[in-house]
């Protein structure tokens, strides 16, 4: 029996769920993904390009953190966490306190999760900014693991 490759590391929701993260100049590389009505079109090719640049620089991607900012129906910005500056791509840092909640289920539940996250922030008496989505595994790995975890993070204002 041939064992299928797993490209995404396992995700531990306990490390992230219901947490407030305090980031000081957390490094990311940023890239734009074309979307069609919020559905990513070239996500795979953008990630392949970013990962090859990251690996060529000898860098690591702590926690395999990849945040998506759904800027419009036509594009989203990706922020891939890295441990150092990467040449040939846009390097950015994020700082501040971020509220994080983890969900599990099909991507079609995203709207429901976003509403729940808003209510969660209100219950915590937190004013959260625009949500960032962390799709913790690709669809193939989610199927292999039997879980599709998605974390929502938002900077606290």
N, C-alpha and C. Protein backbone atom coordinates (compact mmCIF):
# COMPACT_ATOMS: atom_id res chain seq x y z
N UNK A 1 0.85 -1.18 0.00
CA UNK A 1 0.00 0.00 0.00
C UNK A 1 0.89 1.24 0.00
N UNK A 2 0.67 2.14 -0.94
CA UNK A 2 1.47 3.36 -1.07
C UNK A 2 0.98 4.41 -0.09
N UNK A 3 1.90 4.96 0.69
CA UNK A 3 1.56 6.01 1.64
C UNK A 3 1.57 7.35 0.92
N UNK A 4 0.47 8.09 1.06
CA UNK A 4 0.38 9.39 0.40
C UNK A 4 1.20 10.43 1.14
N UNK A 5 1.78 11.32 0.37
CA UNK A 5 2.58 12.40 0.96
C UNK A 5 1.66 13.40 1.67
N UNK A 6 2.17 13.96 2.72
CA UNK A 6 1.46 15.01 3.45
C UNK A 6 2.30 16.26 3.33
N UNK A 7 1.72 17.30 2.73
CA UNK A 7 2.51 18.53 2.53
C UNK A 7 2.32 19.52 3.67
N UNK A 8 1.25 19.39 4.44
CA UNK A 8 0.97 20.33 5.53
C UNK A 8 1.22 19.62 6.87
N UNK A 9 1.92 20.29 7.78
CA UNK A 9 2.14 19.66 9.09
C UNK A 9 0.82 19.56 9.87
N UNK A 10 0.74 18.62 10.79
CA UNK A 10 -0.47 18.54 11.63
C UNK A 10 -0.66 19.84 12.40
N UNK A 11 -1.89 20.21 12.63
CA UNK A 11 -2.23 21.43 13.35
C UNK A 11 -2.78 21.08 14.72
N UNK A 12 -2.26 21.73 15.77
CA UNK A 12 -2.74 21.52 17.13
C UNK A 12 -3.62 22.71 17.53
N UNK A 13 -4.93 22.54 17.50
CA UNK A 13 -5.81 23.68 17.80
C UNK A 13 -5.67 24.20 19.23
N UNK A 14 -5.25 23.36 20.17
CA UNK A 14 -5.12 23.80 21.57
C UNK A 14 -4.12 24.95 21.72
N UNK A 15 -3.13 24.96 20.86
CA UNK A 15 -2.10 26.00 20.93
C UNK A 15 -2.65 27.38 20.51
N UNK A 16 -3.74 27.39 19.74
CA UNK A 16 -4.24 28.64 19.15
C UNK A 16 -5.65 29.02 19.57
N UNK A 17 -6.49 28.05 19.91
CA UNK A 17 -7.90 28.32 20.15
C UNK A 17 -8.12 29.14 21.42
N UNK A 18 -8.95 30.17 21.27
CA UNK A 18 -9.31 31.06 22.39
C UNK A 18 -8.09 31.72 23.03
N UNK A 19 -7.14 32.11 22.21
CA UNK A 19 -5.91 32.72 22.71
C UNK A 19 -5.82 34.18 22.26
N UNK A 20 -5.09 34.95 23.04
CA UNK A 20 -4.68 36.28 22.63
C UNK A 20 -3.18 36.22 22.41
N UNK A 21 -2.78 36.51 21.19
CA UNK A 21 -1.37 36.44 20.79
C UNK A 21 -0.77 37.84 20.86
N UNK A 22 0.43 37.94 21.38
CA UNK A 22 1.12 39.23 21.47
C UNK A 22 2.33 39.19 20.54
N UNK A 23 2.19 39.83 19.39
CA UNK A 23 3.25 39.81 18.39
C UNK A 23 4.01 41.13 18.39
N UNK A 24 5.33 41.03 18.36
CA UNK A 24 6.22 42.19 18.24
C UNK A 24 7.06 41.98 16.99
N UNK A 25 6.73 42.72 15.94
CA UNK A 25 7.47 42.63 14.67
C UNK A 25 7.58 41.19 14.17
N UNK A 26 6.47 40.47 14.18
CA UNK A 26 6.45 39.10 13.65
C UNK A 26 6.62 39.18 12.13
N UNK A 27 7.60 38.46 11.63
CA UNK A 27 7.96 38.53 10.20
C UNK A 27 7.04 37.69 9.32
N UNK A 28 6.71 38.27 8.17
CA UNK A 28 5.91 37.61 7.15
C UNK A 28 6.42 38.02 5.78
N UNK A 29 6.18 37.17 4.79
CA UNK A 29 6.30 37.57 3.40
C UNK A 29 4.88 37.70 2.88
N UNK A 30 4.69 38.67 2.01
CA UNK A 30 3.35 39.00 1.53
C UNK A 30 3.27 38.80 0.03
N UNK A 31 2.14 38.25 -0.42
CA UNK A 31 1.90 38.07 -1.84
C UNK A 31 0.40 38.20 -2.10
N UNK A 32 0.06 38.49 -3.33
CA UNK A 32 -1.34 38.68 -3.74
C UNK A 32 -1.83 37.44 -4.50
N UNK A 33 -3.04 37.00 -4.18
CA UNK A 33 -3.69 35.89 -4.86
C UNK A 33 -4.92 36.42 -5.57
N UNK A 34 -5.08 36.05 -6.82
CA UNK A 34 -6.28 36.42 -7.57
C UNK A 34 -7.44 35.55 -7.09
N UNK A 35 -8.59 36.18 -6.83
CA UNK A 35 -9.79 35.44 -6.43
C UNK A 35 -10.93 35.80 -7.36
N UNK A 36 -11.84 34.89 -7.49
CA UNK A 36 -13.04 35.09 -8.28
C UNK A 36 -14.21 34.89 -7.32
N UNK A 37 -14.85 36.00 -6.95
CA UNK A 37 -15.91 35.96 -5.94
C UNK A 37 -15.41 35.28 -4.66
N UNK A 38 -14.27 35.72 -4.21
CA UNK A 38 -13.59 35.27 -2.98
C UNK A 38 -12.95 33.88 -3.08
N UNK A 39 -13.14 33.16 -4.15
CA UNK A 39 -12.54 31.83 -4.31
C UNK A 39 -11.16 31.99 -4.93
N UNK A 40 -10.10 31.50 -4.27
CA UNK A 40 -8.75 31.65 -4.80
C UNK A 40 -8.56 30.90 -6.11
N UNK A 41 -7.90 31.56 -7.07
CA UNK A 41 -7.67 30.96 -8.38
C UNK A 41 -6.23 30.46 -8.50
N UNK A 42 -5.26 31.29 -8.10
CA UNK A 42 -3.85 30.92 -8.28
C UNK A 42 -3.12 30.72 -6.95
N UNK A 43 -3.83 30.29 -5.93
CA UNK A 43 -3.26 30.10 -4.60
C UNK A 43 -2.05 29.16 -4.65
N UNK A 44 -2.21 28.02 -5.30
CA UNK A 44 -1.13 27.02 -5.36
C UNK A 44 0.14 27.56 -5.98
N UNK A 45 0.03 28.26 -7.09
CA UNK A 45 1.23 28.79 -7.76
C UNK A 45 1.88 29.91 -6.94
N UNK A 46 1.08 30.71 -6.27
CA UNK A 46 1.64 31.77 -5.42
C UNK A 46 2.38 31.14 -4.25
N UNK A 47 1.78 30.13 -3.62
CA UNK A 47 2.44 29.46 -2.49
C UNK A 47 3.72 28.76 -2.94
N UNK A 48 3.68 28.11 -4.08
CA UNK A 48 4.87 27.42 -4.60
C UNK A 48 6.01 28.42 -4.80
N UNK A 49 5.70 29.58 -5.38
CA UNK A 49 6.72 30.62 -5.60
C UNK A 49 7.28 31.12 -4.26
N UNK A 50 6.38 31.40 -3.30
CA UNK A 50 6.84 31.89 -1.99
C UNK A 50 7.69 30.86 -1.27
N UNK A 51 7.23 29.62 -1.22
CA UNK A 51 7.96 28.57 -0.50
C UNK A 51 9.33 28.35 -1.13
N UNK A 52 9.43 28.40 -2.45
CA UNK A 52 10.74 28.21 -3.08
C UNK A 52 11.69 29.34 -2.71
N UNK A 53 11.20 30.57 -2.61
CA UNK A 53 12.05 31.70 -2.20
C UNK A 53 12.45 31.55 -0.73
N UNK A 54 11.51 31.12 0.10
CA UNK A 54 11.79 30.94 1.53
C UNK A 54 12.84 29.86 1.72
N UNK A 55 12.67 28.73 1.05
CA UNK A 55 13.63 27.63 1.15
C UNK A 55 15.00 28.02 0.60
N UNK A 56 15.02 28.77 -0.51
CA UNK A 56 16.29 29.22 -1.10
C UNK A 56 17.06 30.12 -0.14
N UNK A 57 16.33 30.84 0.72
CA UNK A 57 16.97 31.71 1.70
C UNK A 57 17.38 30.96 2.96
N UNK A 58 17.08 29.66 3.01
CA UNK A 58 17.41 28.86 4.20
C UNK A 58 16.55 29.22 5.40
N UNK A 59 15.39 29.76 5.15
CA UNK A 59 14.51 30.21 6.23
C UNK A 59 13.52 29.11 6.61
N UNK A 60 12.91 29.31 7.76
CA UNK A 60 11.86 28.42 8.25
C UNK A 60 10.54 29.17 8.25
N UNK A 61 9.44 28.40 8.30
CA UNK A 61 8.10 28.95 8.40
C UNK A 61 7.49 28.48 9.72
N UNK A 62 7.77 29.20 10.82
CA UNK A 62 7.28 28.75 12.13
C UNK A 62 5.76 28.53 12.13
N UNK A 63 5.36 27.41 12.66
CA UNK A 63 3.95 27.03 12.78
C UNK A 63 3.24 26.89 11.44
N UNK A 64 3.97 26.97 10.32
CA UNK A 64 3.36 26.93 8.98
C UNK A 64 2.23 27.96 8.89
N UNK A 65 2.45 29.10 9.53
CA UNK A 65 1.44 30.16 9.61
C UNK A 65 1.28 30.86 8.27
N UNK A 66 0.06 30.84 7.75
CA UNK A 66 -0.25 31.48 6.47
C UNK A 66 -1.61 32.16 6.60
N UNK A 67 -1.59 33.47 6.75
CA UNK A 67 -2.82 34.23 6.96
C UNK A 67 -3.33 34.80 5.64
N UNK A 68 -4.65 34.77 5.47
CA UNK A 68 -5.28 35.31 4.27
C UNK A 68 -6.15 36.49 4.65
N UNK A 69 -5.90 37.61 3.99
CA UNK A 69 -6.73 38.80 4.14
C UNK A 69 -7.56 38.91 2.87
N UNK A 70 -8.83 38.57 2.98
CA UNK A 70 -9.72 38.61 1.82
C UNK A 70 -10.09 40.08 1.55
N UNK A 71 -9.23 40.75 0.81
CA UNK A 71 -9.35 42.19 0.57
C UNK A 71 -10.58 42.55 -0.27
N UNK A 72 -10.93 41.71 -1.23
CA UNK A 72 -12.09 41.97 -2.09
C UNK A 72 -12.52 40.67 -2.74
N UNK A 73 -13.57 40.75 -3.54
CA UNK A 73 -14.02 39.56 -4.26
C UNK A 73 -12.97 39.11 -5.28
N UNK A 74 -12.03 40.01 -5.61
CA UNK A 74 -11.10 39.76 -6.70
C UNK A 74 -9.66 39.51 -6.24
N UNK A 75 -9.40 39.61 -4.97
CA UNK A 75 -8.03 39.38 -4.53
C UNK A 75 -7.92 39.23 -3.02
N UNK A 76 -6.91 38.47 -2.63
CA UNK A 76 -6.60 38.34 -1.20
C UNK A 76 -5.09 38.44 -1.04
N UNK A 77 -4.71 38.99 0.08
CA UNK A 77 -3.29 39.07 0.42
C UNK A 77 -2.95 37.91 1.33
N UNK A 78 -1.84 37.26 1.02
CA UNK A 78 -1.33 36.17 1.85
C UNK A 78 -0.16 36.69 2.67
N UNK A 79 -0.11 36.28 3.92
CA UNK A 79 1.00 36.61 4.82
C UNK A 79 1.54 35.28 5.34
N UNK A 80 2.72 34.89 4.88
CA UNK A 80 3.34 33.63 5.29
C UNK A 80 4.40 33.95 6.34
N UNK A 81 4.25 33.36 7.53
CA UNK A 81 5.19 33.61 8.61
C UNK A 81 6.56 33.03 8.31
N UNK A 82 7.60 33.82 8.54
CA UNK A 82 8.99 33.40 8.30
C UNK A 82 9.86 33.82 9.48
N UNK A 83 11.06 33.24 9.55
CA UNK A 83 11.95 33.56 10.67
C UNK A 83 13.04 34.56 10.31
N UNK A 84 13.06 35.05 9.08
CA UNK A 84 14.05 36.06 8.68
C UNK A 84 13.59 36.76 7.42
N UNK A 85 14.28 37.82 7.05
CA UNK A 85 13.97 38.55 5.83
C UNK A 85 14.29 37.67 4.61
N UNK A 86 13.40 37.70 3.62
CA UNK A 86 13.53 36.87 2.43
C UNK A 86 13.74 37.78 1.21
N UNK A 87 14.86 37.61 0.49
CA UNK A 87 15.09 38.45 -0.69
C UNK A 87 14.13 38.09 -1.84
N UNK A 88 13.79 39.10 -2.62
CA UNK A 88 12.99 38.88 -3.82
C UNK A 88 11.49 38.83 -3.62
N UNK A 89 11.03 39.08 -2.39
CA UNK A 89 9.59 39.13 -2.11
C UNK A 89 9.33 40.28 -1.16
N UNK A 90 8.06 40.64 -1.00
CA UNK A 90 7.70 41.71 -0.07
C UNK A 90 7.75 41.19 1.36
N UNK A 91 8.57 41.82 2.19
CA UNK A 91 8.69 41.46 3.60
C UNK A 91 7.92 42.48 4.43
N UNK A 92 7.12 41.98 5.38
CA UNK A 92 6.34 42.85 6.26
C UNK A 92 6.43 42.30 7.68
N UNK A 93 6.07 43.14 8.64
CA UNK A 93 5.95 42.67 10.03
C UNK A 93 4.56 43.03 10.54
N UNK A 94 4.07 42.21 11.45
CA UNK A 94 2.81 42.48 12.13
C UNK A 94 3.10 42.56 13.61
N UNK A 95 2.53 43.57 14.24
CA UNK A 95 2.70 43.76 15.68
C UNK A 95 1.34 44.03 16.30
N UNK A 96 1.24 43.71 17.58
CA UNK A 96 0.02 43.97 18.32
C UNK A 96 -0.53 42.72 18.95
N UNK A 97 -1.67 42.89 19.58
CA UNK A 97 -2.36 41.76 20.19
C UNK A 97 -3.42 41.28 19.20
N UNK A 98 -3.45 39.96 19.00
CA UNK A 98 -4.38 39.34 18.07
C UNK A 98 -5.22 38.31 18.80
N UNK A 99 -6.51 38.40 18.60
CA UNK A 99 -7.44 37.41 19.15
C UNK A 99 -7.53 36.26 18.16
N UNK A 100 -7.53 35.02 18.65
CA UNK A 100 -7.55 33.85 17.77
C UNK A 100 -8.58 32.85 18.26
N UNK A 101 -9.35 32.32 17.32
CA UNK A 101 -10.32 31.26 17.60
C UNK A 101 -10.24 30.26 16.46
N UNK A 102 -10.30 28.97 16.80
CA UNK A 102 -10.17 27.90 15.82
C UNK A 102 -11.53 27.24 15.58
N UNK A 103 -11.79 26.95 14.31
CA UNK A 103 -13.01 26.28 13.89
C UNK A 103 -12.64 25.01 13.14
N UNK A 104 -13.61 24.10 13.02
CA UNK A 104 -13.36 22.86 12.28
C UNK A 104 -14.61 22.53 11.48
N UNK A 105 -14.39 22.20 10.20
CA UNK A 105 -15.51 21.85 9.35
C UNK A 105 -15.25 22.25 7.91
N UNK A 106 -16.28 22.18 7.07
CA UNK A 106 -16.11 22.51 5.65
C UNK A 106 -15.95 24.02 5.46
N UNK A 107 -15.23 24.38 4.40
CA UNK A 107 -15.02 25.81 4.09
C UNK A 107 -16.34 26.55 3.89
N UNK A 108 -17.38 25.83 3.52
CA UNK A 108 -18.69 26.47 3.32
C UNK A 108 -19.24 27.07 4.62
N UNK A 109 -18.67 26.70 5.77
CA UNK A 109 -19.09 27.26 7.06
C UNK A 109 -18.39 28.58 7.39
N UNK A 110 -17.56 29.09 6.50
CA UNK A 110 -16.77 30.29 6.79
C UNK A 110 -17.64 31.46 7.23
N UNK A 111 -18.74 31.71 6.56
CA UNK A 111 -19.63 32.82 6.94
C UNK A 111 -20.14 32.67 8.36
N UNK A 112 -20.53 31.45 8.71
CA UNK A 112 -21.01 31.16 10.07
C UNK A 112 -19.89 31.39 11.09
N UNK A 113 -18.66 30.95 10.74
CA UNK A 113 -17.53 31.12 11.65
C UNK A 113 -17.23 32.61 11.87
N UNK A 114 -17.30 33.39 10.81
CA UNK A 114 -17.02 34.83 10.93
C UNK A 114 -18.02 35.50 11.86
N UNK A 115 -19.30 35.15 11.75
CA UNK A 115 -20.32 35.70 12.65
C UNK A 115 -20.04 35.28 14.09
N UNK A 116 -19.68 34.00 14.27
CA UNK A 116 -19.37 33.52 15.61
C UNK A 116 -18.15 34.25 16.18
N UNK A 117 -17.14 34.49 15.34
CA UNK A 117 -15.94 35.18 15.80
C UNK A 117 -16.28 36.59 16.27
N UNK A 118 -17.15 37.30 15.54
CA UNK A 118 -17.58 38.64 15.96
C UNK A 118 -18.24 38.57 17.34
N UNK A 119 -19.12 37.59 17.53
CA UNK A 119 -19.80 37.43 18.82
C UNK A 119 -18.79 37.06 19.91
N UNK A 120 -17.82 36.22 19.58
CA UNK A 120 -16.77 35.83 20.52
C UNK A 120 -15.98 37.05 20.98
N UNK A 121 -15.60 37.92 20.04
CA UNK A 121 -14.86 39.13 20.39
C UNK A 121 -15.70 40.02 21.30
N UNK A 122 -16.98 40.16 21.01
CA UNK A 122 -17.87 40.99 21.84
C UNK A 122 -17.98 40.42 23.24
N UNK A 123 -18.11 39.09 23.35
CA UNK A 123 -18.19 38.46 24.68
C UNK A 123 -16.93 38.73 25.49
N UNK A 124 -15.80 38.82 24.80
CA UNK A 124 -14.52 39.11 25.48
C UNK A 124 -14.31 40.61 25.65
N UNK A 125 -15.33 41.38 25.25
CA UNK A 125 -15.28 42.85 25.33
C UNK A 125 -14.06 43.39 24.58
N UNK A 126 -13.81 42.79 23.43
CA UNK A 126 -12.66 43.16 22.60
C UNK A 126 -13.15 43.82 21.32
N UNK A 127 -12.46 44.86 20.92
CA UNK A 127 -12.73 45.49 19.63
C UNK A 127 -11.73 44.92 18.64
N UNK A 128 -12.19 44.00 17.82
CA UNK A 128 -11.31 43.32 16.88
C UNK A 128 -11.37 43.99 15.52
N UNK A 129 -10.21 44.05 14.87
CA UNK A 129 -10.13 44.59 13.52
C UNK A 129 -10.57 43.57 12.49
N UNK A 130 -10.16 43.80 11.26
CA UNK A 130 -10.53 42.93 10.14
C UNK A 130 -9.98 41.52 10.37
N UNK A 131 -10.82 40.50 10.17
CA UNK A 131 -10.34 39.14 10.40
C UNK A 131 -9.36 38.66 9.34
N UNK A 132 -8.41 37.86 9.78
CA UNK A 132 -7.47 37.17 8.91
C UNK A 132 -7.76 35.68 9.05
N UNK A 133 -7.84 34.99 7.93
CA UNK A 133 -8.16 33.57 7.94
C UNK A 133 -6.87 32.76 7.83
N UNK A 134 -6.76 31.73 8.64
CA UNK A 134 -5.63 30.80 8.54
C UNK A 134 -6.19 29.43 8.20
N UNK A 135 -6.06 29.08 6.93
CA UNK A 135 -6.47 27.76 6.47
C UNK A 135 -5.28 26.85 6.78
N UNK A 136 -5.36 26.10 7.86
CA UNK A 136 -4.19 25.43 8.43
C UNK A 136 -3.66 24.27 7.61
N UNK A 137 -4.48 23.72 6.72
CA UNK A 137 -4.04 22.64 5.85
C UNK A 137 -4.70 22.79 4.49
N UNK A 138 -4.06 22.23 3.49
CA UNK A 138 -4.67 22.20 2.16
C UNK A 138 -5.81 21.18 2.18
N UNK A 139 -6.71 21.22 1.21
CA UNK A 139 -7.82 20.26 1.21
C UNK A 139 -7.37 18.79 1.22
N UNK A 140 -6.29 18.47 0.52
CA UNK A 140 -5.82 17.07 0.50
C UNK A 140 -5.35 16.62 1.87
N UNK A 141 -4.58 17.47 2.56
CA UNK A 141 -4.10 17.10 3.90
C UNK A 141 -5.25 17.08 4.91
N UNK A 142 -6.20 17.99 4.78
CA UNK A 142 -7.36 17.98 5.67
C UNK A 142 -8.09 16.65 5.54
N UNK A 143 -8.21 16.16 4.33
CA UNK A 143 -8.86 14.87 4.11
C UNK A 143 -8.05 13.74 4.75
N UNK A 144 -6.72 13.79 4.59
CA UNK A 144 -5.86 12.75 5.18
C UNK A 144 -5.93 12.76 6.70
N UNK A 145 -5.93 13.96 7.29
CA UNK A 145 -5.97 14.07 8.76
C UNK A 145 -7.38 13.84 9.32
N UNK A 146 -8.39 14.01 8.46
CA UNK A 146 -9.77 13.84 8.92
C UNK A 146 -10.31 15.07 9.62
N UNK A 147 -9.59 16.17 9.57
CA UNK A 147 -10.02 17.43 10.20
C UNK A 147 -9.63 18.59 9.29
N UNK A 148 -10.52 19.58 9.20
CA UNK A 148 -10.24 20.79 8.44
C UNK A 148 -10.32 21.97 9.40
N UNK A 149 -9.20 22.29 10.03
CA UNK A 149 -9.16 23.41 10.98
C UNK A 149 -8.91 24.72 10.24
N UNK A 150 -9.67 25.73 10.65
CA UNK A 150 -9.47 27.09 10.15
C UNK A 150 -9.44 27.99 11.39
N UNK A 151 -8.41 28.81 11.48
CA UNK A 151 -8.31 29.76 12.59
C UNK A 151 -8.62 31.16 12.06
N UNK A 152 -9.33 31.91 12.87
CA UNK A 152 -9.58 33.31 12.56
C UNK A 152 -8.83 34.15 13.58
N UNK A 153 -8.05 35.10 13.06
CA UNK A 153 -7.31 36.02 13.92
C UNK A 153 -7.72 37.44 13.57
N UNK A 154 -7.73 38.31 14.56
CA UNK A 154 -7.99 39.72 14.30
C UNK A 154 -7.21 40.54 15.31
N UNK A 155 -6.64 41.62 14.81
CA UNK A 155 -5.88 42.51 15.69
C UNK A 155 -6.84 43.26 16.60
N UNK A 156 -6.50 43.34 17.86
CA UNK A 156 -7.32 44.06 18.83
C UNK A 156 -7.00 45.55 18.76
N UNK A 157 -8.05 46.35 18.68
CA UNK A 157 -7.87 47.81 18.60
C UNK A 157 -7.89 48.43 19.98
